[in-house]
Amino acid sequence: MDNTRKYALVTGASSGIGWHISEELARRGYSIVAVSNQPEQLRKLRESLEKAYAISVVTVDKDLAQEDSAMQLFRFCGDNELAIEVLVNDAGMFFFSEVTKADYNRIRSILVLHVLTPTLLCRLFGEQMAKKRCGYILNLSSMSAMMPYPGISLYGPTKAYMRHFTRAFRSEMMLDNVGVTCLIPGATDTSLY
């Protein structure tokens, strides 16, 4: 792989906001490490971006709702000499359910995907960025982080965590010249719904 390129790692890159962020980063000259558990959509993203821009796209078919996925992804980038300059934590899931009626494994998955994995990715890649004294991290939250809503009482609070975590993390990383931002979109017509 060409390790002279600038790489941006985007989770949830295969659709919706993640797809569009990947496209904007490619337009700005970044090669993309696109991560998702939708291999066919990742293939389409790679073909689309490589055709339109002078960049390369490395696709990683990975379920980020697994507790060790952040470390596996970090090691993959290290093993392939992919120096990540931009990290975008966009992967997400959404479902309506009362907590007491929600499937146990779905609860575990949303907590890992929205809280554990992005936090660990910030820790792992953030350390590398801090050592280089450059880099940028974008974490996705949601307007549902602002007020609790019945029926999405798992989704909204995980996004509230990401909002608050990002604000605190931003202050820490500012000292190392690493930018950290939290995007808080409203309801967006994507395949998440």
C-alpha atoms as a PDB file:
ATOM      1  CA  MET A   1       0.000   0.000   0.000  1.00  0.00           C
ATOM      2  CA  ASP A   2       1.095   3.560  -0.664  1.00  0.00           C
ATOM      3  CA  ASN A   3       1.937   4.940   2.760  1.00  0.00           C
ATOM      4  CA  THR A   4       2.860   8.370   1.348  1.00  0.00           C
ATOM      5  CA  ARG A   5      -0.826   9.172   0.971  1.00  0.00           C
ATOM      6  CA  LYS A   6      -2.927  11.099   3.509  1.00  0.00           C
ATOM      7  CA  TYR A   7      -5.499   8.725   4.996  1.00  0.00           C
ATOM      8  CA  ALA A   8      -8.841   9.403   6.627  1.00  0.00           C
ATOM      9  CA  LEU A   9     -10.561   6.565   8.467  1.00  0.00           C
ATOM     10  CA  VAL A  10     -14.362   6.740   8.310  1.00  0.00           C
ATOM     11  CA  THR A  11     -16.562   4.294  10.216  1.00  0.00           C
ATOM     12  CA  GLY A  12     -20.060   3.812   8.850  1.00  0.00           C
ATOM     13  CA  ALA A  13     -18.694   4.888   5.474  1.00  0.00           C
ATOM     14  CA  SER A  14     -20.939   2.681   3.341  1.00  0.00           C
ATOM     15  CA  SER A  15     -24.061   4.860   3.506  1.00  0.00           C
ATOM     16  CA  GLY A  16     -25.692   8.070   4.640  1.00  0.00           C
ATOM     17  CA  ILE A  17     -23.615  10.714   6.386  1.00  0.00           C
ATOM     18  CA  GLY A  18     -20.511   8.489   6.402  1.00  0.00           C
ATOM     19  CA  TRP A  19     -20.657   8.094   2.608  1.00  0.00           C
ATOM     20  CA  HIS A  20     -20.941  11.868   2.113  1.00  0.00           C
ATOM     21  CA  ILE A  21     -18.148  12.637   4.575  1.00  0.00           C
ATOM     22  CA  SER A  22     -15.947  10.083   2.760  1.00  0.00           C
ATOM     23  CA  GLU A  23     -16.704  11.790  -0.532  1.00  0.00           C
ATOM     24  CA  GLU A  24     -15.880  15.235   0.865  1.00  0.00           C
ATOM     25  CA  LEU A  25     -12.584  13.950   2.303  1.00  0.00           C
ATOM     26  CA  ALA A  26     -11.722  12.328  -1.052  1.00  0.00           C
ATOM     27  CA  ARG A  27     -12.464  15.637  -2.786  1.00  0.00           C
ATOM     28  CA  ARG A  28      -9.920  17.228  -0.429  1.00  0.00           C
ATOM     29  CA  GLY A  29      -7.265  14.692  -1.444  1.00  0.00           C
ATOM     30  CA  TYR A  30      -7.543  12.131   1.346  1.00  0.00           C
ATOM     31  CA  SER A  31      -7.378   8.438   0.605  1.00  0.00           C
ATOM     32  CA  ILE A  32     -10.054   6.667   2.608  1.00  0.00           C
ATOM     33  CA  VAL A  33     -10.060   3.716   4.975  1.00  0.00           C
ATOM     34  CA  ALA A  34     -13.770   2.927   4.744  1.00  0.00           C
ATOM     35  CA  VAL A  35     -15.142   0.736   7.530  1.00  0.00           C
ATOM     36  CA  SER A  36     -18.576  -0.874   7.636  1.00  0.00           C
ATOM     37  CA  ASN A  37     -20.300  -4.232   7.926  1.00  0.00           C
ATOM     38  CA  GLN A  38     -21.868  -3.777   4.468  1.00  0.00           C
ATOM     39  CA  PRO A  39     -19.298  -5.180   1.996  1.00  0.00           C
ATOM     40  CA  GLU A  40     -21.323  -4.582  -1.170  1.00  0.00           C
ATOM     41  CA  GLN A  41     -21.920  -0.921  -0.331  1.00  0.00           C
ATOM     42  CA  LEU A  42     -18.212  -0.557   0.547  1.00  0.00           C
ATOM     43  CA  ARG A  43     -17.337  -1.906  -2.904  1.00  0.00           C
ATOM     44  CA  LYS A  44     -19.647   0.671  -4.519  1.00  0.00           C
ATOM     45  CA  LEU A  45     -18.113   3.455  -2.426  1.00  0.00           C
ATOM     46  CA  ARG A  46     -14.593   2.416  -3.435  1.00  0.00           C
ATOM     47  CA  GLU A  47     -15.508   2.299  -7.135  1.00  0.00           C
ATOM     48  CA  SER A  48     -17.288   5.656  -6.988  1.00  0.00           C
ATOM     49  CA  LEU A  49     -14.538   7.527  -5.126  1.00  0.00           C
ATOM     50  CA  GLU A  50     -11.589   6.027  -7.005  1.00  0.00           C
ATOM     51  CA  LYS A  51     -13.272   6.848 -10.316  1.00  0.00           C
ATOM     52  CA  ALA A  52     -14.016  10.464  -9.335  1.00  0.00           C
ATOM     53  CA  TYR A  53     -10.861  11.388  -7.391  1.00  0.00           C
ATOM     54  CA  ALA A  54      -7.118  10.676  -7.500  1.00  0.00           C
ATOM     55  CA  ILE A  55      -7.197   8.729  -4.227  1.00  0.00           C
ATOM     56  CA  SER A  56      -7.316   5.133  -3.099  1.00  0.00           C
ATOM     57  CA  VAL A  57      -9.949   3.503  -0.908  1.00  0.00           C
ATOM     58  CA  VAL A  58      -9.133   0.667   1.469  1.00  0.00           C
ATOM     59  CA  THR A  59     -12.316  -1.121   2.545  1.00  0.00           C
ATOM     60  CA  VAL A  60     -12.632  -2.933   5.857  1.00  0.00           C
ATOM     61  CA  ASP A  61     -15.672  -5.178   6.362  1.00  0.00           C
ATOM     62  CA  LYS A  62     -15.970  -5.146  10.159  1.00  0.00           C
ATOM     63  CA  ASP A  63     -18.729  -5.292  12.751  1.00  0.00           C
ATOM     64  CA  LEU A  64     -17.773  -2.437  15.063  1.00  0.00           C
ATOM     65  CA  ALA A  65     -20.313  -3.586  17.650  1.00  0.00           C
ATOM     66  CA  GLN A  66     -17.805  -6.207  18.815  1.00  0.00           C
ATOM     67  CA  GLU A  67     -15.832  -5.291  21.933  1.00  0.00           C
ATOM     68  CA  ASP A  68     -12.401  -5.868  20.357  1.00  0.00           C
ATOM     69  CA  SER A  69     -13.148  -4.178  17.021  1.00  0.00           C
ATOM     70  CA  ALA A  70     -11.358  -0.897  17.823  1.00  0.00           C
ATOM     71  CA  MET A  71      -8.076  -2.662  18.574  1.00  0.00           C
ATOM     72  CA  GLN A  72      -8.454  -4.904  15.501  1.00  0.00           C
ATOM     73  CA  LEU A  73      -9.004  -1.866  13.289  1.00  0.00           C
ATOM     74  CA  PHE A  74      -6.073  -0.003  14.852  1.00  0.00           C
ATOM     75  CA  ARG A  75      -3.798  -3.013  14.284  1.00  0.00           C
ATOM     76  CA  PHE A  76      -5.022  -3.353  10.684  1.00  0.00           C
ATOM     77  CA  CYS A  77      -3.972   0.225   9.971  1.00  0.00           C
ATOM     78  CA  GLY A  78      -0.611  -0.309  11.653  1.00  0.00           C
ATOM     79  CA  ASP A  79       0.055  -3.588   9.861  1.00  0.00           C
ATOM     80  CA  ASN A  80      -0.722  -1.931   6.511  1.00  0.00           C
ATOM     81  CA  GLU A  81       1.225   1.255   7.293  1.00  0.00           C
ATOM     82  CA  LEU A  82      -1.847   3.448   6.967  1.00  0.00           C
ATOM     83  CA  ALA A  83      -1.078   6.649   8.874  1.00  0.00           C
ATOM     84  CA  ILE A  84      -4.466   8.049   9.829  1.00  0.00           C
ATOM     85  CA  GLU A  85      -4.580  11.853   9.737  1.00  0.00           C
ATOM     86  CA  VAL A  86      -8.382  12.143  10.083  1.00  0.00           C
ATOM     87  CA  LEU A  87     -10.695   9.889  12.123  1.00  0.00           C
ATOM     88  CA  VAL A  88     -14.464  10.041  11.640  1.00  0.00           C
ATOM     89  CA  ASN A  89     -16.581   8.039  14.106  1.00  0.00           C
ATOM     90  CA  ASP A  90     -19.889   7.785  12.243  1.00  0.00           C
ATOM     91  CA  ALA A  91     -20.943   4.115  12.557  1.00  0.00           C
ATOM     92  CA  GLY A  92     -24.309   3.774  14.221  1.00  0.00           C
ATOM     93  CA  MET A  93     -27.475   1.797  14.630  1.00  0.00           C
ATOM     94  CA  PHE A  94     -31.002   2.818  15.473  1.00  0.00           C
ATOM     95  CA  PHE A  95     -34.113   1.048  16.675  1.00  0.00           C
ATOM     96  CA  PHE A  96     -37.341   1.902  18.458  1.00  0.00           C
ATOM     97  CA  SER A  97     -38.075  -0.099  21.586  1.00  0.00           C
ATOM     98  CA  GLU A  98     -38.861   0.241  25.238  1.00  0.00           C
ATOM     99  CA  VAL A  99     -35.790  -0.782  27.228  1.00  0.00           C
ATOM    100  CA  THR A 100     -37.515  -3.679  28.993  1.00  0.00           C
ATOM    101  CA  LYS A 101     -38.678  -5.073  25.652  1.00  0.00           C
ATOM    102  CA  ALA A 102     -35.433  -4.605  23.730  1.00  0.00           C
ATOM    103  CA  ASP A 103     -33.381  -7.637  22.790  1.00  0.00           C
ATOM    104  CA  TYR A 104     -30.425  -8.069  25.179  1.00  0.00           C
ATOM    105  CA  ASN A 105     -27.896  -8.424  22.343  1.00  0.00           C
ATOM    106  CA  ARG A 106     -29.201  -5.314  20.566  1.00  0.00           C
ATOM    107  CA  ILE A 107     -28.733  -3.311  23.763  1.00  0.00           C
ATOM    108  CA  ARG A 108     -25.160  -4.570  24.085  1.00  0.00           C
ATOM    109  CA  SER A 109     -24.493  -3.816  20.410  1.00  0.00           C
ATOM    110  CA  ILE A 110     -25.719  -0.216  20.525  1.00  0.00           C
ATOM    111  CA  LEU A 111     -23.701   0.487  23.672  1.00  0.00           C
ATOM    112  CA  VAL A 112     -20.510  -0.953  22.174  1.00  0.00           C
ATOM    113  CA  LEU A 113     -21.037   0.677  18.766  1.00  0.00           C
ATOM    114  CA  HIS A 114     -21.943   4.148  20.050  1.00  0.00           C
ATOM    115  CA  VAL A 115     -19.807   4.360  23.211  1.00  0.00           C
ATOM    116  CA  LEU A 116     -16.990   1.822  23.549  1.00  0.00           C
ATOM    117  CA  THR A 117     -15.706   1.539  19.970  1.00  0.00           C
ATOM    118  CA  PRO A 118     -15.561   5.270  19.131  1.00  0.00           C
ATOM    119  CA  THR A 119     -14.029   6.079  22.517  1.00  0.00           C
ATOM    120  CA  LEU A 120     -11.304   3.480  22.035  1.00  0.00           C
ATOM    121  CA  LEU A 121     -10.678   4.632  18.457  1.00  0.00           C
ATOM    122  CA  CYS A 122     -10.233   8.178  19.800  1.00  0.00           C
ATOM    123  CA  ARG A 123      -7.810   6.836  22.400  1.00  0.00           C
ATOM    124  CA  LEU A 124      -5.744   4.756  19.951  1.00  0.00           C
ATOM    125  CA  PHE A 125      -5.588   7.074  16.950  1.00  0.00           C
ATOM    126  CA  GLY A 126      -5.617  10.184  19.143  1.00  0.00           C
ATOM    127  CA  GLU A 127      -2.371   9.089  20.787  1.00  0.00           C
ATOM    128  CA  GLN A 128      -0.713   8.786  17.365  1.00  0.00           C
ATOM    129  CA  MET A 129      -2.017  12.197  16.306  1.00  0.00           C
ATOM    130  CA  ALA A 130      -0.831  13.783  19.553  1.00  0.00           C
ATOM    131  CA  LYS A 131       2.692  12.412  19.015  1.00  0.00           C
ATOM    132  CA  LYS A 132       2.736  13.921  15.498  1.00  0.00           C
ATOM    133  CA  ARG A 133       1.112  17.109  16.796  1.00  0.00           C
ATOM    134  CA  CYS A 134      -1.430  17.100  13.981  1.00  0.00           C
ATOM    135  CA  GLY A 135      -4.682  15.405  13.109  1.00  0.00           C
ATOM    136  CA  TYR A 136      -8.431  15.762  13.262  1.00  0.00           C
ATOM    137  CA  ILE A 137     -11.233  13.725  14.834  1.00  0.00           C
ATOM    138  CA  LEU A 138     -14.941  14.092  14.047  1.00  0.00           C
ATOM    139  CA  ASN A 139     -17.452  12.283  16.270  1.00  0.00           C
ATOM    140  CA  LEU A 140     -21.107  11.978  15.332  1.00  0.00           C
ATOM    141  CA  SER A 141     -23.776  12.630  17.922  1.00  0.00           C
ATOM    142  CA  SER A 142     -27.442  13.508  17.376  1.00  0.00           C
ATOM    143  CA  MET A 143     -30.073  16.084  18.294  1.00  0.00           C
ATOM    144  CA  SER A 144     -31.584  13.292  20.392  1.00  0.00           C
ATOM    145  CA  ALA A 145     -28.618  13.849  22.741  1.00  0.00           C
ATOM    146  CA  MET A 146     -30.262  17.090  23.884  1.00  0.00           C
ATOM    147  CA  MET A 147     -33.409  15.617  25.414  1.00  0.00           C
ATOM    148  CA  PRO A 148     -34.521  12.102  26.375  1.00  0.00           C
ATOM    149  CA  TYR A 149     -37.163  10.601  24.098  1.00  0.00           C
ATOM    150  CA  PRO A 150     -39.213   7.499  24.990  1.00  0.00           C
ATOM    151  CA  GLY A 151     -38.781   4.669  22.510  1.00  0.00           C
ATOM    152  CA  ILE A 152     -35.196   5.654  21.751  1.00  0.00           C
ATOM    153  CA  SER A 153     -34.010   5.684  25.346  1.00  0.00           C
ATOM    154  CA  LEU A 154     -30.928   3.702  24.310  1.00  0.00           C
ATOM    155  CA  TYR A 155     -30.022   5.716  21.210  1.00  0.00           C
ATOM    156  CA  GLY A 156     -30.286   9.252  22.629  1.00  0.00           C
ATOM    157  CA  PRO A 157     -28.250   8.678  25.808  1.00  0.00           C
ATOM    158  CA  THR A 158     -25.417   7.023  23.866  1.00  0.00           C
ATOM    159  CA  LYS A 159     -25.326  10.087  21.642  1.00  0.00           C
ATOM    160  CA  ALA A 160     -25.364  12.329  24.743  1.00  0.00           C
ATOM    161  CA  TYR A 161     -22.292  10.460  25.952  1.00  0.00           C
ATOM    162  CA  MET A 162     -20.552  11.098  22.630  1.00  0.00           C
ATOM    163  CA  ARG A 163     -21.433  14.792  22.781  1.00  0.00           C
ATOM    164  CA  HIS A 164     -20.040  15.255  26.290  1.00  0.00           C
ATOM    165  CA  PHE A 165     -17.038  13.006  25.729  1.00  0.00           C
ATOM    166  CA  THR A 166     -16.098  14.932  22.597  1.00  0.00           C
ATOM    167  CA  ARG A 167     -16.267  18.304  24.335  1.00  0.00           C
ATOM    168  CA  ALA A 168     -13.936  17.128  27.104  1.00  0.00           C
ATOM    169  CA  PHE A 169     -11.636  15.256  24.709  1.00  0.00           C
ATOM    170  CA  ARG A 170     -11.403  18.362  22.510  1.00  0.00           C
ATOM    171  CA  SER A 171      -9.925  20.362  25.385  1.00  0.00           C
ATOM    172  CA  GLU A 172      -7.340  17.656  26.062  1.00  0.00           C
ATOM    173  CA  MET A 173      -6.299  17.288  22.424  1.00  0.00           C
ATOM    174  CA  MET A 174      -6.105  21.016  21.802  1.00  0.00           C
ATOM    175  CA  LEU A 175      -2.842  21.014  23.782  1.00  0.00           C
ATOM    176  CA  ASP A 176      -1.407  18.583  21.198  1.00  0.00           C
ATOM    177  CA  ASN A 177      -2.609  20.570  18.164  1.00  0.00           C
ATOM    178  CA  VAL A 178      -5.257  17.945  17.280  1.00  0.00           C
ATOM    179  CA  GLY A 179      -8.720  19.193  16.315  1.00  0.00           C
ATOM    180  CA  VAL A 180     -11.775  17.409  17.717  1.00  0.00           C
ATOM    181  CA  THR A 181     -15.355  18.246  16.736  1.00  0.00           C
ATOM    182  CA  CYS A 182     -18.770  16.770  17.465  1.00  0.00           C
ATOM    183  CA  LEU A 183     -21.387  16.887  14.713  1.00  0.00           C
ATOM    184  CA  ILE A 184     -24.957  16.960  16.048  1.00  0.00           C
ATOM    185  CA  PRO A 185     -27.356  16.435  13.114  1.00  0.00           C
ATOM    186  CA  GLY A 186     -31.105  16.362  13.364  1.00  0.00           C
ATOM    187  CA  ALA A 187     -33.206  13.573  11.858  1.00  0.00           C
ATOM    188  CA  THR A 188     -31.596  12.644   8.552  1.00  0.00           C
ATOM    189  CA  ASP A 189     -33.138  10.511   5.822  1.00  0.00           C
ATOM    190  CA  THR A 190     -30.583   7.679   5.701  1.00  0.00           C
ATOM    191  CA  SER A 191     -30.761   3.901   5.725  1.00  0.00           C
ATOM    192  CA  LEU A 192     -30.287   4.047   9.526  1.00  0.00           C
ATOM    193  CA  TYR A 193     -34.052   4.382   9.780  1.00  0.00           C
END
